[in-house]
Amino acid sequence: MADIRLTRRRIANHFRYTRWWYLVVALLCAFGLSALFSMTRYRPPREHLLSFYVTSGPVFAEQLQGALWPELQARRPEQEELTVVGINLRDEQMYARMQYATYLSAGEGDVLLLDRVEYDRLKMDATEGETFVDLGPAVHSGMIPRAKLSEMDAQMLEQTGALYAVSADVLTGLMAFGCDTRGAVLTAPLNRPNTEAAEALIGILLDRYGEGGT
């Protein structure tokens, strides 16, 4: 009759030769739990998500996000999430450029901080109509503070009645977050589901971090 008694030696031999299998099972279980969590966790609707893309140089994204979020919630309570993303295009790295192009083509980026050269390039590449939101009505309504506009922007709005980008040179307060705004603009692309929240964020940036801001 076969000896099937469990002994310390048999148990040790079992785990010595099959421990890799237990490791595989444990990894599969962990992956399954992670996938289940990802599929079932709550995701706010796109119109309640706002993303701010900083491409004019490096930025301390998490710190800036934490500073902006309370004020955005106060002005736009329906917003459920704000994401600040830093993609430094000034380094001219291929990966950063590809990442940026992928996000834009996917309809990401409700507010963009762009070098003016990049802003002009996007306008020229547009195949039809306008590329960016006219911020003029938001200035007239007070959502974007007229007093914080650069002199050039104020003149542009006065002469043309439209304003598609706000000079970011005035945002000297963003230097505290490692952000160089010289020669850059703030703008909001068209065809995003939360244009008013994007305009509110531009207003907050000018209010808080524009020259003479509180």
Foldseek 3Di string as FASTA:
>chain_A
DDDPDDDPVVVVVVCVPCVVVVVVVVVVVVVVVVVVCVVPPDDDDQQLEAEEEEACADFLFVVVLVVLVVVLCVVPVSRDYYGYHYQHCVVVDPVSVVVVVVCVVVVHHQKYKFQVVVVVVVQVPDPDDGFFDFLLVCCVVCLAPPVLADPVQNVCCVVPVTGFWTQCCQQQQRVVGVHDRPNIIMGGTPPGSHNVSSSNSNNVSSQDRGVVHD
